[in-house]
PDB file of N, CA and C in Angstrom:
ATOM      1  N   MET A   1       0.776  -1.186  -0.027  1.00  0.00           N
ATOM      2  CA  MET A   1      -0.040   0.044  -0.060  1.00  0.00           C
ATOM      3  C   MET A   1       1.053   1.335  -0.114  1.00  0.00           C
ATOM      4  N   ARG A   2       0.492   2.176  -0.674  1.00  0.00           N
ATOM      5  CA  ARG A   2       1.056   3.407  -0.699  1.00  0.00           C
ATOM      6  C   ARG A   2       1.059   4.202   0.514  1.00  0.00           C
ATOM      7  N   ASP A   3       2.071   5.183   0.841  1.00  0.00           N
ATOM      8  CA  ASP A   3       1.997   5.889   1.858  1.00  0.00           C
ATOM      9  C   ASP A   3       1.322   7.260   1.644  1.00  0.00           C
ATOM     10  N   VAL A   4       0.115   7.237   1.967  1.00  0.00           N
ATOM     11  CA  VAL A   4      -0.871   8.554   1.439  1.00  0.00           C
ATOM     12  C   VAL A   4      -1.696   8.994   2.829  1.00  0.00           C
ATOM     13  N   THR A   5      -1.394  10.383   3.025  1.00  0.00           N
ATOM     14  CA  THR A   5      -2.029  11.086   4.128  1.00  0.00           C
ATOM     15  C   THR A   5      -3.058  12.106   3.657  1.00  0.00           C
ATOM     16  N   PHE A   6      -4.235  12.066   4.042  1.00  0.00           N
ATOM     17  CA  PHE A   6      -5.020  13.253   3.558  1.00  0.00           C
ATOM     18  C   PHE A   6      -4.983  14.331   4.644  1.00  0.00           C
ATOM     19  N   PHE A   7      -4.700  15.566   4.115  1.00  0.00           N
ATOM     20  CA  PHE A   7      -4.380  16.775   4.967  1.00  0.00           C
ATOM     21  C   PHE A   7      -5.694  17.342   4.868  1.00  0.00           C
ATOM     22  N   LEU A   8      -6.386  17.589   6.166  1.00  0.00           N
ATOM     23  CA  LEU A   8      -7.600  18.440   6.278  1.00  0.00           C
ATOM     24  C   LEU A   8      -7.663  19.677   7.264  1.00  0.00           C
ATOM     25  N   PRO A   9      -7.397  20.847   6.622  1.00  0.00           N
ATOM     26  CA  PRO A   9      -7.331  22.061   7.403  1.00  0.00           C
ATOM     27  C   PRO A   9      -8.643  22.316   7.670  1.00  0.00           C
ATOM     28  N   VAL A  10      -8.699  22.608   8.880  1.00  0.00           N
ATOM     29  CA  VAL A  10     -10.266  23.289   9.458  1.00  0.00           C
ATOM     30  C   VAL A  10     -10.055  24.200  10.444  1.00  0.00           C
ATOM     31  N   ARG A  11     -10.338  25.332  10.343  1.00  0.00           N
ATOM     32  CA  ARG A  11     -10.062  26.506  11.352  1.00  0.00           C
ATOM     33  C   ARG A  11     -11.307  27.031  11.626  1.00  0.00           C
ATOM     34  N   SER A  12     -11.263  27.512  13.067  1.00  0.00           N
ATOM     35  CA  SER A  12     -12.607  28.095  13.516  1.00  0.00           C
ATOM     36  C   SER A  12     -12.617  29.753  13.037  1.00  0.00           C
ATOM     37  N   GLY A  13     -13.621  30.434  13.287  1.00  0.00           N
ATOM     38  CA  GLY A  13     -13.688  31.938  13.113  1.00  0.00           C
ATOM     39  C   GLY A  13     -14.132  32.268  11.666  1.00  0.00           C
ATOM     40  N   SER A  14     -14.964  31.475  10.919  1.00  0.00           N
ATOM     41  CA  SER A  14     -15.175  31.842   9.658  1.00  0.00           C
ATOM     42  C   SER A  14     -15.899  33.221   9.843  1.00  0.00           C
ATOM     43  N   GLN A  15     -15.519  34.208   8.902  1.00  0.00           N
ATOM     44  CA  GLN A  15     -16.283  35.582   8.955  1.00  0.00           C
ATOM     45  C   GLN A  15     -17.512  35.403   8.416  1.00  0.00           C
ATOM     46  N   ARG A  16     -17.865  34.611   7.255  1.00  0.00           N
ATOM     47  CA  ARG A  16     -19.131  34.714   6.551  1.00  0.00           C
ATOM     48  C   ARG A  16     -20.018  33.780   7.142  1.00  0.00           C
ATOM     49  N   VAL A  17     -19.720  32.673   7.415  1.00  0.00           N
ATOM     50  CA  VAL A  17     -20.684  31.738   8.066  1.00  0.00           C
ATOM     51  C   VAL A  17     -20.321  31.151   9.234  1.00  0.00           C
ATOM     52  N   LYS A  18     -20.719  31.485  10.529  1.00  0.00           N
ATOM     53  CA  LYS A  18     -20.610  31.097  11.746  1.00  0.00           C
ATOM     54  C   LYS A  18     -20.617  29.541  11.812  1.00  0.00           C
ATOM     55  N   ASN A  19     -19.366  29.065  12.420  1.00  0.00           N
ATOM     56  CA  ASN A  19     -19.265  27.674  12.696  1.00  0.00           C
ATOM     57  C   ASN A  19     -19.655  26.857  11.685  1.00  0.00           C
ATOM     58  N   LYS A  20     -19.191  27.232  10.350  1.00  0.00           N
ATOM     59  CA  LYS A  20     -19.345  26.519   9.040  1.00  0.00           C
ATOM     60  C   LYS A  20     -19.016  25.189   8.965  1.00  0.00           C
ATOM     61  N   ASN A  21     -17.941  24.745   9.550  1.00  0.00           N
ATOM     62  CA  ASN A  21     -17.426  23.428   9.547  1.00  0.00           C
ATOM     63  C   ASN A  21     -18.091  22.378  10.646  1.00  0.00           C
ATOM     64  N   THR A  22     -18.608  22.906  11.581  1.00  0.00           N
ATOM     65  CA  THR A  22     -19.232  21.963  12.582  1.00  0.00           C
ATOM     66  C   THR A  22     -20.621  22.084  12.968  1.00  0.00           C
ATOM     67  N   ARG A  23     -21.347  23.196  12.300  1.00  0.00           N
ATOM     68  CA  ARG A  23     -22.798  23.191  12.421  1.00  0.00           C
ATOM     69  C   ARG A  23     -23.462  22.219  11.788  1.00  0.00           C
ATOM     70  N   ASP A  24     -24.612  21.914  12.212  1.00  0.00           N
ATOM     71  CA  ASP A  24     -25.414  20.842  11.541  1.00  0.00           C
ATOM     72  C   ASP A  24     -25.576  21.159  10.219  1.00  0.00           C
ATOM     73  N   PHE A  25     -25.479  19.981   9.218  1.00  0.00           N
ATOM     74  CA  PHE A  25     -25.438  20.253   7.862  1.00  0.00           C
ATOM     75  C   PHE A  25     -26.301  19.031   7.266  1.00  0.00           C
ATOM     76  N   CYS A  26     -27.503  19.334   6.786  1.00  0.00           N
ATOM     77  CA  CYS A  26     -28.342  18.406   6.099  1.00  0.00           C
ATOM     78  C   CYS A  26     -28.945  17.420   7.263  1.00  0.00           C
ATOM     79  N   GLY A  27     -29.040  17.893   8.427  1.00  0.00           N
ATOM     80  CA  GLY A  27     -29.501  16.894   9.442  1.00  0.00           C
ATOM     81  C   GLY A  27     -28.323  16.044  10.057  1.00  0.00           C
ATOM     82  N   ILE A  28     -26.981  16.459   9.711  1.00  0.00           N
ATOM     83  CA  ILE A  28     -25.860  15.711  10.197  1.00  0.00           C
ATOM     84  C   ILE A  28     -25.343  16.543  11.437  1.00  0.00           C
ATOM     85  N   GLN A  29     -25.469  15.895  12.558  1.00  0.00           N
ATOM     86  CA  GLN A  29     -24.769  16.689  13.834  1.00  0.00           C
ATOM     87  C   GLN A  29     -23.264  16.380  13.527  1.00  0.00           C
ATOM     88  N   GLY A  30     -22.599  17.408  13.679  1.00  0.00           N
ATOM     89  CA  GLY A  30     -21.146  17.571  13.423  1.00  0.00           C
ATOM     90  C   GLY A  30     -20.793  18.336  12.259  1.00  0.00           C
ATOM     91  N   GLY A  31     -21.763  18.292  11.473  1.00  0.00           N
ATOM     92  CA  GLY A  31     -21.837  18.951  10.133  1.00  0.00           C
ATOM     93  C   GLY A  31     -20.717  18.639   9.075  1.00  0.00           C
ATOM     94  N   LEU A  32     -20.249  19.642   8.511  1.00  0.00           N
ATOM     95  CA  LEU A  32     -19.191  19.129   7.358  1.00  0.00           C
ATOM     96  C   LEU A  32     -17.898  18.543   7.778  1.00  0.00           C
ATOM     97  N   VAL A  33     -17.460  18.684   9.043  1.00  0.00           N
ATOM     98  CA  VAL A  33     -16.175  17.958   9.554  1.00  0.00           C
ATOM     99  C   VAL A  33     -16.608  16.475   9.788  1.00  0.00           C
ATOM    100  N   TYR A  34     -17.576  16.412  10.606  1.00  0.00           N
ATOM    101  CA  TYR A  34     -18.143  14.855  10.715  1.00  0.00           C
ATOM    102  C   TYR A  34     -18.253  14.119   9.347  1.00  0.00           C
ATOM    103  N   LEU A  35     -19.043  14.749   8.364  1.00  0.00           N
ATOM    104  CA  LEU A  35     -19.127  14.066   7.187  1.00  0.00           C
ATOM    105  C   LEU A  35     -18.041  13.783   6.379  1.00  0.00           C
ATOM    106  N   LYS A  36     -16.989  14.806   6.291  1.00  0.00           N
ATOM    107  CA  LYS A  36     -15.899  14.589   5.512  1.00  0.00           C
ATOM    108  C   LYS A  36     -15.033  13.566   6.333  1.00  0.00           C
ATOM    109  N   LEU A  37     -14.864  13.573   7.504  1.00  0.00           N
ATOM    110  CA  LEU A  37     -14.057  12.603   8.341  1.00  0.00           C
ATOM    111  C   LEU A  37     -14.562  11.132   8.122  1.00  0.00           C
ATOM    112  N   LYS A  38     -15.850  10.983   8.120  1.00  0.00           N
ATOM    113  CA  LYS A  38     -16.511   9.579   7.968  1.00  0.00           C
ATOM    114  C   LYS A  38     -16.226   9.266   6.409  1.00  0.00           C
ATOM    115  N   GLN A  39     -16.388  10.096   5.422  1.00  0.00           N
ATOM    116  CA  GLN A  39     -15.891   9.858   4.104  1.00  0.00           C
ATOM    117  C   GLN A  39     -14.467   9.457   3.880  1.00  0.00           C
ATOM    118  N   LEU A  40     -13.677  10.175   4.525  1.00  0.00           N
ATOM    119  CA  LEU A  40     -12.324   9.765   4.577  1.00  0.00           C
ATOM    120  C   LEU A  40     -11.998   8.265   5.288  1.00  0.00           C
ATOM    121  N   MET A  41     -12.708   8.026   6.271  1.00  0.00           N
ATOM    122  CA  MET A  41     -12.522   6.769   7.125  1.00  0.00           C
ATOM    123  C   MET A  41     -12.887   5.586   6.043  1.00  0.00           C
ATOM    124  N   ASP A  42     -13.862   5.854   4.976  1.00  0.00           N
ATOM    125  CA  ASP A  42     -14.216   5.017   4.147  1.00  0.00           C
ATOM    126  C   ASP A  42     -13.414   4.710   3.020  1.00  0.00           C
ATOM    127  N   CYS A  43     -12.382   5.604   2.749  1.00  0.00           N
ATOM    128  CA  CYS A  43     -11.557   5.661   1.747  1.00  0.00           C
ATOM    129  C   CYS A  43     -10.480   4.716   1.687  1.00  0.00           C
ATOM    130  N   LYS A  44     -10.334   3.802   0.895  1.00  0.00           N
ATOM    131  CA  LYS A  44      -9.358   2.656   0.719  1.00  0.00           C
ATOM    132  C   LYS A  44      -8.046   3.116   0.465  1.00  0.00           C
ATOM    133  N   SER A  45      -7.899   4.185  -0.303  1.00  0.00           N
ATOM    134  CA  SER A  45      -6.699   4.724  -0.811  1.00  0.00           C
ATOM    135  C   SER A  45      -5.882   5.571  -0.047  1.00  0.00           C
ATOM    136  N   ILE A  46      -6.316   5.917   1.261  1.00  0.00           N
ATOM    137  CA  ILE A  46      -5.285   6.637   2.136  1.00  0.00           C
ATOM    138  C   ILE A  46      -5.172   5.765   3.445  1.00  0.00           C
ATOM    139  N   ASN A  47      -4.061   6.086   3.954  1.00  0.00           N
ATOM    140  CA  ASN A  47      -3.374   5.560   5.375  1.00  0.00           C
ATOM    141  C   ASN A  47      -3.756   6.266   6.327  1.00  0.00           C
ATOM    142  N   SER A  48      -4.019   7.531   6.172  1.00  0.00           N
ATOM    143  CA  SER A  48      -4.199   8.251   7.554  1.00  0.00           C
ATOM    144  C   SER A  48      -4.855   9.524   7.129  1.00  0.00           C
ATOM    145  N   VAL A  49      -5.374  10.522   8.183  1.00  0.00           N
ATOM    146  CA  VAL A  49      -5.821  11.780   8.043  1.00  0.00           C
ATOM    147  C   VAL A  49      -5.225  12.521   9.021  1.00  0.00           C
ATOM    148  N   VAL A  50      -4.634  13.764   8.665  1.00  0.00           N
ATOM    149  CA  VAL A  50      -4.060  14.674   9.573  1.00  0.00           C
ATOM    150  C   VAL A  50      -5.235  15.885   9.605  1.00  0.00           C
ATOM    151  N   LEU A  51      -5.748  16.071  10.700  1.00  0.00           N
ATOM    152  CA  LEU A  51      -6.620  17.142  10.957  1.00  0.00           C
ATOM    153  C   LEU A  51      -6.023  18.307  11.540  1.00  0.00           C
ATOM    154  N   SER A  52      -5.789  19.292  10.865  1.00  0.00           N
ATOM    155  CA  SER A  52      -5.017  20.385  11.238  1.00  0.00           C
ATOM    156  C   SER A  52      -5.940  21.529  11.862  1.00  0.00           C
ATOM    157  N   THR A  53      -6.066  21.853  13.046  1.00  0.00           N
ATOM    158  CA  THR A  53      -7.162  22.747  13.392  1.00  0.00           C
ATOM    159  C   THR A  53      -7.088  23.589  14.724  1.00  0.00           C
ATOM    160  N   ASN A  54      -7.624  24.678  14.688  1.00  0.00           N
ATOM    161  CA  ASN A  54      -7.872  25.278  16.164  1.00  0.00           C
ATOM    162  C   ASN A  54      -8.999  25.288  16.608  1.00  0.00           C
ATOM    163  N   ASP A  55     -10.030  24.483  16.144  1.00  0.00           N
ATOM    164  CA  ASP A  55     -11.370  24.548  16.206  1.00  0.00           C
ATOM    165  C   ASP A  55     -11.650  23.319  17.325  1.00  0.00           C
ATOM    166  N   GLU A  56     -11.905  23.617  18.441  1.00  0.00           N
ATOM    167  CA  GLU A  56     -12.269  22.790  19.595  1.00  0.00           C
ATOM    168  C   GLU A  56     -13.390  21.803  19.329  1.00  0.00           C
ATOM    169  N   GLN A  57     -14.450  22.014  18.748  1.00  0.00           N
ATOM    170  CA  GLN A  57     -15.593  21.331  18.331  1.00  0.00           C
ATOM    171  C   GLN A  57     -15.178  20.259  17.137  1.00  0.00           C
ATOM    172  N   ALA A  58     -14.170  20.719  16.329  1.00  0.00           N
ATOM    173  CA  ALA A  58     -13.752  19.762  15.205  1.00  0.00           C
ATOM    174  C   ALA A  58     -12.816  18.678  16.087  1.00  0.00           C
ATOM    175  N   ILE A  59     -12.175  19.196  16.930  1.00  0.00           N
ATOM    176  CA  ILE A  59     -11.298  18.291  17.642  1.00  0.00           C
ATOM    177  C   ILE A  59     -12.208  17.124  18.350  1.00  0.00           C
ATOM    178  N   ARG A  60     -13.146  17.611  18.853  1.00  0.00           N
ATOM    179  CA  ARG A  60     -14.100  16.636  19.684  1.00  0.00           C
ATOM    180  C   ARG A  60     -14.839  15.710  18.604  1.00  0.00           C
ATOM    181  N   ILE A  61     -15.212  16.127  17.638  1.00  0.00           N
ATOM    182  CA  ILE A  61     -15.779  15.414  16.511  1.00  0.00           C
ATOM    183  C   ILE A  61     -14.824  14.120  16.085  1.00  0.00           C
ATOM    184  N   ALA A  62     -13.534  14.666  15.784  1.00  0.00           N
ATOM    185  CA  ALA A  62     -12.457  13.589  15.211  1.00  0.00           C
ATOM    186  C   ALA A  62     -12.270  12.594  16.362  1.00  0.00           C
ATOM    187  N   GLN A  63     -12.260  13.228  17.568  1.00  0.00           N
ATOM    188  CA  GLN A  63     -11.706  12.152  18.707  1.00  0.00           C
ATOM    189  C   GLN A  63     -13.035  11.045  19.089  1.00  0.00           C
ATOM    190  N   CYS A  64     -14.364  11.677  18.791  1.00  0.00           N
ATOM    191  CA  CYS A  64     -15.478  10.631  19.072  1.00  0.00           C
ATOM    192  C   CYS A  64     -15.541   9.690  17.804  1.00  0.00           C
ATOM    193  N   LEU A  65     -15.083  10.083  16.724  1.00  0.00           N
ATOM    194  CA  LEU A  65     -14.967   8.983  15.361  1.00  0.00           C
ATOM    195  C   LEU A  65     -13.762   8.403  15.649  1.00  0.00           C
ATOM    196  N   ASN A  66     -12.650   8.608  16.080  1.00  0.00           N
ATOM    197  CA  ASN A  66     -11.347   7.784  16.148  1.00  0.00           C
ATOM    198  C   ASN A  66     -10.769   7.930  17.469  1.00  0.00           C
ATOM    199  N   PRO A  67     -11.159   7.622  18.509  1.00  0.00           N
ATOM    200  CA  PRO A  67     -10.664   7.843  19.889  1.00  0.00           C
ATOM    201  C   PRO A  67      -9.250   7.547  20.049  1.00  0.00           C
ATOM    202  N   LYS A  68      -8.704   6.437  19.355  1.00  0.00           N
ATOM    203  CA  LYS A  68      -7.300   6.016  19.511  1.00  0.00           C
ATOM    204  C   LYS A  68      -6.367   6.868  18.646  1.00  0.00           C
ATOM    205  N   GLN A  69      -6.972   7.733  17.735  1.00  0.00           N
ATOM    206  CA  GLN A  69      -6.192   8.370  16.723  1.00  0.00           C
ATOM    207  C   GLN A  69      -5.227   7.770  15.898  1.00  0.00           C
ATOM    208  N   ASP A  70      -5.641   6.614  15.603  1.00  0.00           N
ATOM    209  CA  ASP A  70      -4.819   5.620  14.725  1.00  0.00           C
ATOM    210  C   ASP A  70      -5.053   5.864  13.283  1.00  0.00           C
ATOM    211  N   PHE A  71      -6.095   6.437  12.872  1.00  0.00           N
ATOM    212  CA  PHE A  71      -6.335   7.014  11.446  1.00  0.00           C
ATOM    213  C   PHE A  71      -6.357   8.423  11.184  1.00  0.00           C
ATOM    214  N   ILE A  72      -7.148   8.959  12.303  1.00  0.00           N
ATOM    215  CA  ILE A  72      -7.312  10.510  12.383  1.00  0.00           C
ATOM    216  C   ILE A  72      -6.347  10.922  13.250  1.00  0.00           C
ATOM    217  N   LYS A  73      -5.500  11.791  12.976  1.00  0.00           N
ATOM    218  CA  LYS A  73      -4.533  12.492  13.853  1.00  0.00           C
ATOM    219  C   LYS A  73      -4.723  13.911  13.968  1.00  0.00           C
ATOM    220  N   VAL A  74      -5.085  14.435  15.079  1.00  0.00           N
ATOM    221  CA  VAL A  74      -5.445  15.697  15.296  1.00  0.00           C
ATOM    222  C   VAL A  74      -4.087  16.516  15.647  1.00  0.00           C
ATOM    223  N   ILE A  75      -3.994  17.570  14.898  1.00  0.00           N
ATOM    224  CA  ILE A  75      -2.837  18.443  15.106  1.00  0.00           C
ATOM    225  C   ILE A  75      -3.252  19.716  15.381  1.00  0.00           C
ATOM    226  N   HIS A  76      -2.891  20.464  16.599  1.00  0.00           N
ATOM    227  CA  HIS A  76      -3.327  21.730  16.901  1.00  0.00           C
ATOM    228  C   HIS A  76      -2.525  22.742  16.059  1.00  0.00           C
ATOM    229  N   ARG A  77      -3.142  23.477  15.357  1.00  0.00           N
ATOM    230  CA  ARG A  77      -2.585  24.472  14.498  1.00  0.00           C
ATOM    231  C   ARG A  77      -2.118  25.596  15.200  1.00  0.00           C
ATOM    232  N   PRO A  78      -0.945  26.078  15.082  1.00  0.00           N
ATOM    233  CA  PRO A  78      -0.675  27.504  15.750  1.00  0.00           C
ATOM    234  C   PRO A  78      -1.755  28.537  15.134  1.00  0.00           C
ATOM    235  N   GLN A  79      -2.020  29.393  16.215  1.00  0.00           N
ATOM    236  CA  GLN A  79      -2.904  30.493  15.879  1.00  0.00           C
ATOM    237  C   GLN A  79      -2.666  31.372  14.854  1.00  0.00           C
ATOM    238  N   GLU A  80      -1.245  31.683  14.636  1.00  0.00           N
ATOM    239  CA  GLU A  80      -0.968  32.604  13.479  1.00  0.00           C
ATOM    240  C   GLU A  80      -1.158  31.972  12.189  1.00  0.00           C
ATOM    241  N   LEU A  81      -1.456  30.616  12.088  1.00  0.00           N
ATOM    242  CA  LEU A  81      -1.767  29.946  10.865  1.00  0.00           C
ATOM    243  C   LEU A  81      -3.043  29.861  10.746  1.00  0.00           C
ATOM    244  N   CYS A  82      -4.060  30.414  11.486  1.00  0.00           N
ATOM    245  CA  CYS A  82      -5.509  30.319  11.465  1.00  0.00           C
ATOM    246  C   CYS A  82      -6.212  31.745  11.295  1.00  0.00           C
ATOM    247  N   LEU A  83      -5.362  32.732  10.940  1.00  0.00           N
ATOM    248  CA  LEU A  83      -5.908  33.974  10.692  1.00  0.00           C
ATOM    249  C   LEU A  83      -6.578  34.100   9.132  1.00  0.00           C
ATOM    250  N   ASP A  84      -7.487  35.019   9.165  1.00  0.00           N
ATOM    251  CA  ASP A  84      -7.982  35.512   7.848  1.00  0.00           C
ATOM    252  C   ASP A  84      -6.936  36.044   6.993  1.00  0.00           C
ATOM    253  N   SER A  85      -5.911  36.506   7.589  1.00  0.00           N
ATOM    254  CA  SER A  85      -4.695  37.381   6.891  1.00  0.00           C
ATOM    255  C   SER A  85      -3.491  36.250   6.738  1.00  0.00           C
ATOM    256  N   THR A  86      -3.591  35.158   7.229  1.00  0.00           N
ATOM    257  CA  THR A  86      -2.502  34.233   6.865  1.00  0.00           C
ATOM    258  C   THR A  86      -2.357  33.957   5.332  1.00  0.00           C
ATOM    259  N   PRO A  87      -1.000  34.083   4.934  1.00  0.00           N
ATOM    260  CA  PRO A  87      -0.797  33.794   3.491  1.00  0.00           C
ATOM    261  C   PRO A  87      -0.911  32.227   3.371  1.00  0.00           C
ATOM    262  N   LEU A  88      -1.606  31.922   2.192  1.00  0.00           N
ATOM    263  CA  LEU A  88      -1.687  30.191   2.003  1.00  0.00           C
ATOM    264  C   LEU A  88      -0.192  29.838   2.038  1.00  0.00           C
ATOM    265  N   HIS A  89       0.795  30.416   1.456  1.00  0.00           N
ATOM    266  CA  HIS A  89       1.997  29.934   1.230  1.00  0.00           C
ATOM    267  C   HIS A  89       2.462  29.459   2.596  1.00  0.00           C
ATOM    268  N   SER A  90       2.257  30.293   3.886  1.00  0.00           N
ATOM    269  CA  SER A  90       2.728  29.912   5.056  1.00  0.00           C
ATOM    270  C   SER A  90       2.021  28.586   5.584  1.00  0.00           C
ATOM    271  N   LEU A  91       0.911  28.224   5.212  1.00  0.00           N
ATOM    272  CA  LEU A  91       0.124  26.964   5.574  1.00  0.00           C
ATOM    273  C   LEU A  91       0.870  25.818   4.764  1.00  0.00           C
ATOM    274  N   ILE A  92       1.113  26.064   3.464  1.00  0.00           N
ATOM    275  CA  ILE A  92       1.599  25.109   2.607  1.00  0.00           C
ATOM    276  C   ILE A  92       3.049  24.758   3.131  1.00  0.00           C
ATOM    277  N   GLU A  93       3.694  25.674   3.477  1.00  0.00           N
ATOM    278  CA  GLU A  93       5.164  25.468   4.286  1.00  0.00           C
ATOM    279  C   GLU A  93       5.151  24.786   5.402  1.00  0.00           C
ATOM    280  N   TYR A  94       4.009  24.741   6.159  1.00  0.00           N
ATOM    281  CA  TYR A  94       3.831  24.289   7.473  1.00  0.00           C
ATOM    282  C   TYR A  94       3.464  22.552   7.354  1.00  0.00           C
ATOM    283  N   VAL A  95       2.791  22.212   6.298  1.00  0.00           N
ATOM    284  CA  VAL A  95       2.356  21.034   5.924  1.00  0.00           C
ATOM    285  C   VAL A  95       3.282  19.998   6.180  1.00  0.00           C
ATOM    286  N   PRO A  96       4.571  19.893   5.497  1.00  0.00           N
ATOM    287  CA  PRO A  96       5.555  19.142   5.599  1.00  0.00           C
ATOM    288  C   PRO A  96       6.112  18.986   7.177  1.00  0.00           C
ATOM    289  N   GLN A  97       5.954  19.901   7.726  1.00  0.00           N
ATOM    290  CA  GLN A  97       6.434  19.852   9.259  1.00  0.00           C
ATOM    291  C   GLN A  97       5.714  18.752   9.902  1.00  0.00           C
ATOM    292  N   ILE A  98       4.301  18.491   9.766  1.00  0.00           N
ATOM    293  CA  ILE A  98       3.467  17.800  10.351  1.00  0.00           C
ATOM    294  C   ILE A  98       3.047  16.525   9.691  1.00  0.00           C
ATOM    295  N   VAL A  99       3.264  16.421   8.510  1.00  0.00           N
ATOM    296  CA  VAL A  99       2.935  15.275   7.489  1.00  0.00           C
ATOM    297  C   VAL A  99       4.019  14.703   7.177  1.00  0.00           C
ATOM    298  N   LYS A 100       4.391  13.411   7.457  1.00  0.00           N
ATOM    299  CA  LYS A 100       5.678  12.798   7.002  1.00  0.00           C
ATOM    300  C   LYS A 100       5.424  11.793   5.890  1.00  0.00           C
ATOM    301  N   SER A 101       4.222  11.720   5.341  1.00  0.00           N
ATOM    302  CA  SER A 101       3.942  10.706   4.461  1.00  0.00           C
ATOM    303  C   SER A 101       4.618  10.957   3.099  1.00  0.00           C
ATOM    304  N   ASN A 102       4.889   9.959   2.229  1.00  0.00           N
ATOM    305  CA  ASN A 102       5.437  10.167   0.979  1.00  0.00           C
ATOM    306  C   ASN A 102       4.383  11.023   0.015  1.00  0.00           C
ATOM    307  N   HIS A 103       3.128  10.808   0.192  1.00  0.00           N
ATOM    308  CA  HIS A 103       2.142  11.453  -0.633  1.00  0.00           C
ATOM    309  C   HIS A 103       1.132  12.198   0.307  1.00  0.00           C
ATOM    310  N   ILE A 104       0.819  13.469  -0.054  1.00  0.00           N
ATOM    311  CA  ILE A 104      -0.173  14.118   0.652  1.00  0.00           C
ATOM    312  C   ILE A 104      -1.186  14.730  -0.304  1.00  0.00           C
ATOM    313  N   LEU A 105      -2.410  14.201   0.260  1.00  0.00           N
ATOM    314  CA  LEU A 105      -3.618  14.805  -0.549  1.00  0.00           C
ATOM    315  C   LEU A 105      -4.245  15.859   0.254  1.00  0.00           C
ATOM    316  N   TRP A 106      -4.640  16.928  -0.271  1.00  0.00           N
ATOM    317  CA  TRP A 106      -5.097  18.259   0.453  1.00  0.00           C
ATOM    318  C   TRP A 106      -6.491  18.406   0.132  1.00  0.00           C
ATOM    319  N   GLY A 107      -7.449  18.286   1.103  1.00  0.00           N
ATOM    320  CA  GLY A 107      -8.938  18.493   0.656  1.00  0.00           C
ATOM    321  C   GLY A 107      -9.552  19.384   1.758  1.00  0.00           C
ATOM    322  N   HIS A 108     -10.855  19.630   1.456  1.00  0.00           N
ATOM    323  CA  HIS A 108     -11.450  20.559   2.546  1.00  0.00           C
ATOM    324  C   HIS A 108     -12.765  19.977   3.004  1.00  0.00           C
ATOM    325  N   ALA A 109     -13.266  20.286   4.166  1.00  0.00           N
ATOM    326  CA  ALA A 109     -14.545  19.866   4.662  1.00  0.00           C
ATOM    327  C   ALA A 109     -15.614  20.357   3.971  1.00  0.00           C
ATOM    328  N   THR A 110     -15.496  21.493   3.250  1.00  0.00           N
ATOM    329  CA  THR A 110     -16.416  22.223   2.476  1.00  0.00           C
ATOM    330  C   THR A 110     -16.688  21.586   1.019  1.00  0.00           C
ATOM    331  N   THR A 111     -16.301  20.435   0.780  1.00  0.00           N
ATOM    332  CA  THR A 111     -16.527  19.625  -0.337  1.00  0.00           C
ATOM    333  C   THR A 111     -17.448  18.233   0.057  1.00  0.00           C
ATOM    334  N   PRO A 112     -18.523  18.470   0.622  1.00  0.00           N
ATOM    335  CA  PRO A 112     -19.330  17.151   1.212  1.00  0.00           C
ATOM    336  C   PRO A 112     -19.688  16.377  -0.061  1.00  0.00           C
ATOM    337  N   PHE A 113     -19.715  16.613  -1.232  1.00  0.00           N
ATOM    338  CA  PHE A 113     -20.259  15.672  -2.157  1.00  0.00           C
ATOM    339  C   PHE A 113     -19.036  14.971  -3.033  1.00  0.00           C
ATOM    340  N   ILE A 114     -17.810  15.185  -2.415  1.00  0.00           N
ATOM    341  CA  ILE A 114     -16.658  14.345  -2.765  1.00  0.00           C
ATOM    342  C   ILE A 114     -16.668  13.080  -1.702  1.00  0.00           C
ATOM    343  N   GLU A 115     -16.829  11.882  -2.195  1.00  0.00           N
ATOM    344  CA  GLU A 115     -17.100  10.810  -1.188  1.00  0.00           C
ATOM    345  C   GLU A 115     -15.898   9.898  -1.523  1.00  0.00           C
ATOM    346  N   ALA A 116     -15.580   8.868  -0.779  1.00  0.00           N
ATOM    347  CA  ALA A 116     -14.729   7.902  -0.592  1.00  0.00           C
ATOM    348  C   ALA A 116     -14.280   7.347  -1.932  1.00  0.00           C
ATOM    349  N   GLU A 117     -15.232   7.074  -2.722  1.00  0.00           N
ATOM    350  CA  GLU A 117     -15.107   6.466  -4.126  1.00  0.00           C
ATOM    351  C   GLU A 117     -14.341   7.478  -5.027  1.00  0.00           C
ATOM    352  N   ASP A 118     -14.586   8.599  -4.657  1.00  0.00           N
ATOM    353  CA  ASP A 118     -13.823   9.629  -5.775  1.00  0.00           C
ATOM    354  C   ASP A 118     -12.515   9.759  -5.345  1.00  0.00           C
TER     355      ASP A 118
END
């Protein structure tokens, strides 16, 4: 099996939609984060997920889904990388510091219609 980690950045403090990642979505408690993590857990092509976040609710959701953190690894993202003003290149440079896989897939919780098969 290839060494593939899915990098899932989730930050709190959306300016436009309050709690957009964790508020109920289509009747799903835990919202987009819960849905995306469940989809990733069903994906046979990846070995692990790194949830990079400063959102305490997202952390609780991940811990409930994967208490041993053997598939979903929660990494507390530094606050300076969670600001609206944070340049994207700063986050990109941060990823190799926390993900040691040979292959990294980067996706977002805000893509609820991309499922495990995709």
